[in-house]
Amino acid sequence: MNVGVIGNPRYRDLGGLLARLASLAPRYRINLYSEPELEALWPAPPPPLGLDGRKLDLVLTFGGDGTLLRGARLVGAQGTPILGVNLGRVGFLTTATPETMEAALEAVARGEYRVEARHALETRIVSPDGSERVGALALNDVVVHKAGVARVIGLRICRDDEEIGRYSADGIIVATPTGSTAYSLSAGGPVVVPEVDALVITAICPHTLAVRPIVLPGSSVITIELVPPLPPPAAPGGAHEEILISYDGQVGASLSVNDRVTVKRAENRVHLIRIGKEGFFARMRRKLQWGDLSDREKE
């Protein structure tokens, strides 16, 4: 079994976990491959470096949800299953911990796991001259937002050929069901279970009481255009460095005033490995304290 390894070097214990993984790999007939950034953390000699072009059976991510999201951008389009080992605080998307890593590897070796296929988003930025830029794959969300000073921006949002409305807000979030428990949730959006084929539009701090999150069919094509009010151009030619588009809160780019952003469901899904019987709502109760009334029970 060929296993790729992606990790966040900022976690102090990562070197020790990689050493454990290297010692366990022969027992479970695992051939390890590592992203180059982890070379110094492996015991000598490190496994082959580089994941591009490898035929991988699965990918292990060591870190929090952010590391798993980065792994999804790197290998998700190829359909490679991802098993997240949580080294962070919440780890809502991950399925194992350092303490359960060996048990997870054993379960995978025995085929005792399930795979959840999650919808992702693909984005195109269309310039006034018709040229296009393709955005990064996003498992959680695509966000158009302001940066810098506290100033709202104007956004016109359409679903397919129908205008939804014009928003005056700090920005707009287009989220998948997976991303409904991330930034969208913090901005007041609904929780959408992963099996639902839907997209969620959530405004960030809208400057009106009349705007609420919207749930749309997953087949929708969402268009976002910049409209007044806009911050003044930051450079000649109309470029607005204060207006950004970001993917899963990790990578992004600047938008110009006449750019048009289209967001739709990606053709390929991202596959997450799950081990054990814990379901979505049990994970919500455990990691997000969903419905936690323990303080009231003590009264």
Protein backbone atom coordinates (compact mmCIF):
# COMPACT_ATOMS: atom_id res chain seq x y z
CA MET A 1 0.00 0.00 0.00
CA ASN A 2 1.44 3.36 -1.07
CA VAL A 3 0.81 6.11 1.49
CA GLY A 4 1.61 9.80 1.06
CA VAL A 5 2.38 11.93 4.10
CA ILE A 6 1.52 15.61 4.50
CA GLY A 7 2.19 17.46 7.73
CA ASN A 8 2.41 20.79 9.48
CA PRO A 9 5.97 21.22 10.78
CA ARG A 10 4.83 23.77 13.36
CA TYR A 11 3.60 20.97 15.62
CA ARG A 12 6.43 20.07 17.99
CA ASP A 13 5.62 16.36 18.18
CA LEU A 14 5.49 15.79 14.44
CA GLY A 15 9.04 14.41 14.23
CA GLY A 16 8.29 11.79 16.86
CA LEU A 17 5.06 10.78 15.11
CA LEU A 18 6.85 10.41 11.79
CA ALA A 19 9.45 8.20 13.46
CA ARG A 20 6.64 6.03 14.86
CA LEU A 21 5.00 5.88 11.46
CA ALA A 22 8.26 4.84 9.81
CA SER A 23 8.68 2.03 12.34
CA LEU A 24 5.09 0.82 11.87
CA ALA A 25 5.07 0.96 8.08
CA PRO A 26 6.78 -2.44 7.44
CA ARG A 27 4.32 -4.20 9.77
CA TYR A 28 1.38 -3.04 7.67
CA ARG A 29 3.18 -3.32 4.32
CA ILE A 30 3.09 0.41 3.77
CA ASN A 31 5.38 2.21 1.35
CA LEU A 32 5.75 5.80 2.54
CA TYR A 33 6.15 8.91 0.40
CA SER A 34 6.58 12.35 1.90
CA GLU A 35 6.10 15.93 0.86
CA PRO A 36 9.60 17.51 0.61
CA GLU A 37 8.94 20.04 3.41
CA LEU A 38 9.07 17.22 5.98
CA GLU A 39 12.46 15.82 4.95
CA ALA A 40 14.34 17.04 8.04
CA LEU A 41 11.73 15.58 10.45
CA TRP A 42 12.02 11.95 9.30
CA PRO A 43 14.53 9.54 10.81
CA ALA A 44 17.35 8.82 8.36
CA PRO A 45 16.96 7.83 5.65
CA PRO A 46 13.71 9.67 4.86
CA PRO A 47 11.13 8.08 2.54
CA PRO A 48 11.06 9.11 -1.14
CA LEU A 49 10.20 12.80 -1.40
CA GLY A 50 7.47 14.32 -3.57
CA LEU A 51 3.86 13.29 -4.04
CA ASP A 52 3.29 14.52 -7.59
CA GLY A 53 2.92 11.67 -10.05
CA ARG A 54 2.80 8.99 -7.34
CA LYS A 55 0.13 6.33 -7.46
CA LEU A 56 -1.07 6.63 -3.86
CA ASP A 57 -3.64 4.44 -2.14
CA LEU A 58 -4.21 7.03 0.57
CA VAL A 59 -2.74 10.15 2.14
CA LEU A 60 -2.09 10.73 5.83
CA THR A 61 -2.27 14.33 7.05
CA PHE A 62 -0.68 15.31 10.38
CA GLY A 63 -2.01 18.56 11.80
CA GLY A 64 -5.41 20.16 12.19
CA ASP A 65 -8.25 20.67 9.76
CA GLY A 66 -6.11 23.20 7.89
CA THR A 67 -3.54 20.53 7.06
CA LEU A 68 -6.27 18.21 5.84
CA LEU A 69 -7.70 20.99 3.66
CA ARG A 70 -4.25 21.54 2.17
CA GLY A 71 -4.03 17.82 1.49
CA ALA A 72 -7.40 17.98 -0.27
CA ARG A 73 -6.07 20.67 -2.60
CA LEU A 74 -2.99 18.60 -3.37
CA VAL A 75 -4.56 15.17 -3.98
CA GLY A 76 -8.33 15.58 -3.72
CA ALA A 77 -8.91 16.00 -7.44
CA GLN A 78 -7.32 12.58 -8.03
CA GLY A 79 -9.78 10.93 -5.64
CA THR A 80 -7.04 9.76 -3.25
CA PRO A 81 -8.61 9.00 0.16
CA ILE A 82 -7.36 11.18 3.03
CA LEU A 83 -6.94 10.05 6.63
CA GLY A 84 -6.42 12.97 8.99
CA VAL A 85 -4.45 12.60 12.24
CA ASN A 86 -5.39 15.50 14.48
CA LEU A 87 -2.60 17.40 16.21
CA GLY A 88 -4.67 20.56 16.68
CA ARG A 89 -7.56 21.60 18.90
CA VAL A 90 -10.81 20.74 17.08
CA GLY A 91 -9.91 18.55 14.12
CA PHE A 92 -13.52 18.24 12.98
CA LEU A 93 -12.53 16.72 9.63
CA THR A 94 -9.88 14.37 10.98
CA THR A 95 -10.54 10.82 12.14
CA ALA A 96 -7.52 9.78 14.23
CA THR A 97 -5.25 11.12 16.97
CA PRO A 98 -1.60 10.35 17.80
CA GLU A 99 -2.90 7.81 20.35
CA THR A 100 -5.13 6.03 17.80
CA MET A 101 -2.80 6.29 14.80
CA GLU A 102 -1.60 2.69 14.96
CA ALA A 103 -5.15 1.38 15.35
CA ALA A 104 -6.18 3.47 12.36
CA LEU A 105 -3.35 2.05 10.23
CA GLU A 106 -4.35 -1.47 11.25
CA ALA A 107 -7.98 -0.79 10.36
CA VAL A 108 -6.96 0.55 6.96
CA ALA A 109 -4.72 -2.46 6.32
CA ARG A 110 -7.66 -4.75 7.11
CA GLY A 111 -10.09 -2.73 5.03
CA GLU A 112 -12.16 -1.90 8.11
CA TYR A 113 -13.00 1.68 7.25
CA ARG A 114 -15.46 3.68 5.21
CA VAL A 115 -14.97 6.53 2.79
CA GLU A 116 -17.05 9.69 2.77
CA ALA A 117 -17.24 11.45 -0.60
CA ARG A 118 -17.41 15.20 0.02
CA HIS A 119 -18.35 17.87 -2.51
CA ALA A 120 -15.75 20.54 -3.26
CA LEU A 121 -15.86 23.85 -5.12
CA GLU A 122 -14.20 25.06 -8.30
CA THR A 123 -13.89 28.74 -9.14
CA ARG A 124 -13.22 30.88 -12.19
CA ILE A 125 -12.38 34.58 -12.19
CA VAL A 126 -13.43 36.19 -15.47
CA SER A 127 -11.86 39.52 -16.39
CA PRO A 128 -13.61 42.15 -18.52
CA ASP A 129 -11.54 41.12 -21.56
CA GLY A 130 -12.87 37.54 -21.26
CA SER A 131 -9.68 36.01 -19.89
CA GLU A 132 -10.09 33.51 -17.06
CA ARG A 133 -8.16 32.51 -13.98
CA VAL A 134 -8.92 29.16 -12.37
CA GLY A 135 -9.00 29.18 -8.58
CA ALA A 136 -7.78 26.49 -6.23
CA LEU A 137 -9.97 23.54 -5.28
CA ALA A 138 -11.85 24.34 -2.07
CA LEU A 139 -13.30 21.67 0.20
CA ASN A 140 -14.80 24.12 2.71
CA ASP A 141 -15.51 27.45 1.10
CA VAL A 142 -14.74 30.23 -1.33
CA VAL A 143 -14.83 33.71 0.20
CA VAL A 144 -14.83 37.15 -1.43
CA HIS A 145 -13.96 39.68 1.23
CA LYS A 146 -12.30 42.92 2.07
CA ALA A 147 -8.94 43.36 3.72
CA GLY A 148 -7.31 46.23 5.54
CA VAL A 149 -9.50 49.03 6.85
CA ALA A 150 -13.00 48.47 8.23
CA ARG A 151 -15.10 49.22 5.16
CA VAL A 152 -18.02 47.33 3.65
CA ILE A 153 -18.04 46.30 0.00
CA GLY A 154 -20.87 45.92 -2.47
CA LEU A 155 -21.56 42.52 -4.02
CA ARG A 156 -24.14 41.39 -6.55
CA ILE A 157 -24.94 37.68 -6.19
CA CYS A 158 -26.67 35.56 -8.84
CA ARG A 159 -27.73 31.93 -8.96
CA ASP A 160 -27.53 30.65 -12.55
CA ASP A 161 -29.21 33.48 -14.52
CA GLU A 162 -31.28 34.87 -11.65
CA GLU A 163 -30.16 37.68 -9.39
CA ILE A 164 -30.41 36.82 -5.70
CA GLY A 165 -29.66 40.33 -4.54
CA ARG A 166 -27.11 42.98 -3.75
CA TYR A 167 -25.21 42.82 -0.51
CA SER A 168 -23.43 45.50 1.47
CA ALA A 169 -21.19 43.49 3.76
CA ASP A 170 -17.65 42.63 4.76
CA GLY A 171 -17.80 39.80 2.25
CA ILE A 172 -19.62 36.69 1.10
CA ILE A 173 -19.01 33.00 1.80
CA VAL A 174 -19.96 30.21 -0.59
CA ALA A 175 -19.67 26.97 1.37
CA THR A 176 -20.11 23.27 0.77
CA PRO A 177 -21.92 21.11 3.34
CA THR A 178 -18.46 20.24 4.67
CA GLY A 179 -17.67 23.95 5.02
CA SER A 180 -21.01 24.72 6.65
CA THR A 181 -19.42 23.90 10.03
CA ALA A 182 -16.44 26.21 9.42
CA TYR A 183 -16.35 29.95 8.57
CA SER A 184 -19.98 29.95 7.41
CA LEU A 185 -21.11 28.65 10.81
CA SER A 186 -19.14 31.41 12.57
CA ALA A 187 -20.89 33.97 10.33
CA GLY A 188 -24.33 32.65 11.30
CA GLY A 189 -24.88 30.10 8.54
CA PRO A 190 -26.76 26.81 8.94
CA VAL A 191 -25.28 23.38 9.57
CA VAL A 192 -25.75 21.17 6.51
CA VAL A 193 -25.06 17.46 6.84
CA PRO A 194 -22.46 16.16 4.36
CA GLU A 195 -24.90 13.93 2.43
CA VAL A 196 -27.01 16.90 1.33
CA ASP A 197 -26.24 18.11 -2.18
CA ALA A 198 -26.29 21.84 -1.51
CA LEU A 199 -24.36 25.09 -1.46
CA VAL A 200 -24.65 27.73 1.26
CA ILE A 201 -24.35 31.49 0.74
CA THR A 202 -23.59 33.42 3.93
CA ALA A 203 -22.90 37.14 4.14
CA ILE A 204 -20.16 38.34 6.49
CA CYS A 205 -21.44 41.11 8.78
CA PRO A 206 -24.12 42.37 6.34
CA HIS A 207 -25.07 46.01 6.82
CA THR A 208 -28.79 45.25 6.96
CA LEU A 209 -31.21 43.21 9.06
CA ALA A 210 -32.88 41.74 5.97
CA VAL A 211 -30.09 39.42 4.79
CA ARG A 212 -30.04 35.79 5.89
CA PRO A 213 -28.03 32.74 4.76
CA ILE A 214 -29.39 30.90 1.72
CA VAL A 215 -29.19 27.17 0.92
CA LEU A 216 -29.18 26.39 -2.81
CA PRO A 217 -29.18 23.16 -4.83
CA GLY A 218 -25.70 21.76 -5.33
CA SER A 219 -26.04 22.07 -9.10
CA SER A 220 -26.23 25.88 -8.85
CA VAL A 221 -23.67 28.15 -10.48
CA ILE A 222 -23.12 31.18 -8.29
CA THR A 223 -21.83 34.45 -9.73
CA ILE A 224 -20.31 37.21 -7.62
CA GLU A 225 -19.73 40.71 -8.99
CA LEU A 226 -18.34 43.78 -7.29
CA VAL A 227 -20.69 46.78 -7.24
CA PRO A 228 -20.76 50.08 -5.31
CA PRO A 229 -19.88 50.75 -2.53
CA LEU A 230 -16.26 49.96 -3.30
CA PRO A 231 -13.03 51.16 -1.70
CA PRO A 232 -10.97 53.52 -3.86
CA PRO A 233 -8.55 51.91 -6.34
CA ALA A 234 -5.26 51.00 -4.74
CA ALA A 235 -3.38 51.40 -8.01
CA PRO A 236 -3.89 52.95 -11.46
CA GLY A 237 -6.08 50.86 -13.71
CA GLY A 238 -8.73 50.00 -11.14
CA ALA A 239 -7.05 47.22 -9.16
CA HIS A 240 -8.52 46.87 -5.67
CA GLU A 241 -5.95 45.24 -3.45
CA GLU A 242 -8.39 45.44 -0.56
CA ILE A 243 -10.80 42.98 -2.19
CA LEU A 244 -9.62 39.38 -2.07
CA ILE A 245 -10.82 35.92 -2.94
CA SER A 246 -9.67 33.08 -0.71
CA TYR A 247 -10.00 29.31 -0.84
CA ASP A 248 -10.48 27.44 2.45
CA GLY A 249 -8.94 30.47 4.16
CA GLN A 250 -5.46 29.38 3.05
CA VAL A 251 -4.67 30.63 -0.44
CA GLY A 252 -6.09 33.50 -2.43
CA ALA A 253 -5.68 36.38 -4.85
CA SER A 254 -6.69 40.01 -5.39
CA LEU A 255 -9.73 40.97 -7.42
CA SER A 256 -10.15 43.91 -9.78
CA VAL A 257 -13.29 46.01 -9.85
CA ASN A 258 -14.74 44.47 -13.03
CA ASP A 259 -13.86 40.86 -12.33
CA ARG A 260 -16.67 38.32 -12.19
CA VAL A 261 -16.33 35.26 -9.95
CA THR A 262 -18.19 32.04 -10.69
CA VAL A 263 -18.37 29.26 -8.12
CA LYS A 264 -19.82 25.81 -8.68
CA ARG A 265 -19.57 22.26 -7.46
CA ALA A 266 -16.34 20.57 -8.56
CA GLU A 267 -16.63 17.58 -10.84
CA ASN A 268 -14.53 15.37 -8.56
CA ARG A 269 -15.23 14.78 -4.89
CA VAL A 270 -12.78 14.71 -2.00
CA HIS A 271 -12.70 11.36 -0.18
CA LEU A 272 -12.25 11.29 3.60
CA ILE A 273 -11.51 8.07 5.49
CA ARG A 274 -13.61 7.35 8.57
CA ILE A 275 -12.83 4.66 11.13
CA GLY A 276 -15.25 3.41 13.75
CA LYS A 277 -18.96 3.98 14.13
CA GLU A 278 -18.97 7.64 15.15
CA GLY A 279 -21.34 9.61 12.93
CA PHE A 280 -21.63 13.25 11.98
CA PHE A 281 -23.83 14.33 14.90
CA ALA A 282 -21.76 12.45 17.47
CA ARG A 283 -18.71 14.25 16.11
CA MET A 284 -20.58 17.57 16.37
CA ARG A 285 -21.51 16.89 19.98
CA ARG A 286 -17.98 15.88 20.89
CA LYS A 287 -15.96 18.50 19.03
CA LEU A 288 -18.32 21.47 18.70
CA GLN A 289 -20.26 20.95 21.95
CA TRP A 290 -23.47 20.84 19.93
CA GLY A 291 -26.50 20.97 22.23
CA ASP A 292 -24.31 20.96 25.35
CA LEU A 293 -26.57 21.72 28.32
CA SER A 294 -24.28 20.26 30.98
CA ASP A 295 -24.05 23.61 32.82
CA ARG A 296 -27.85 23.77 33.08
CA GLU A 297 -28.06 20.23 34.39
CA LYS A 298 -25.90 21.23 37.36
CA GLU A 299 -28.29 24.02 38.39
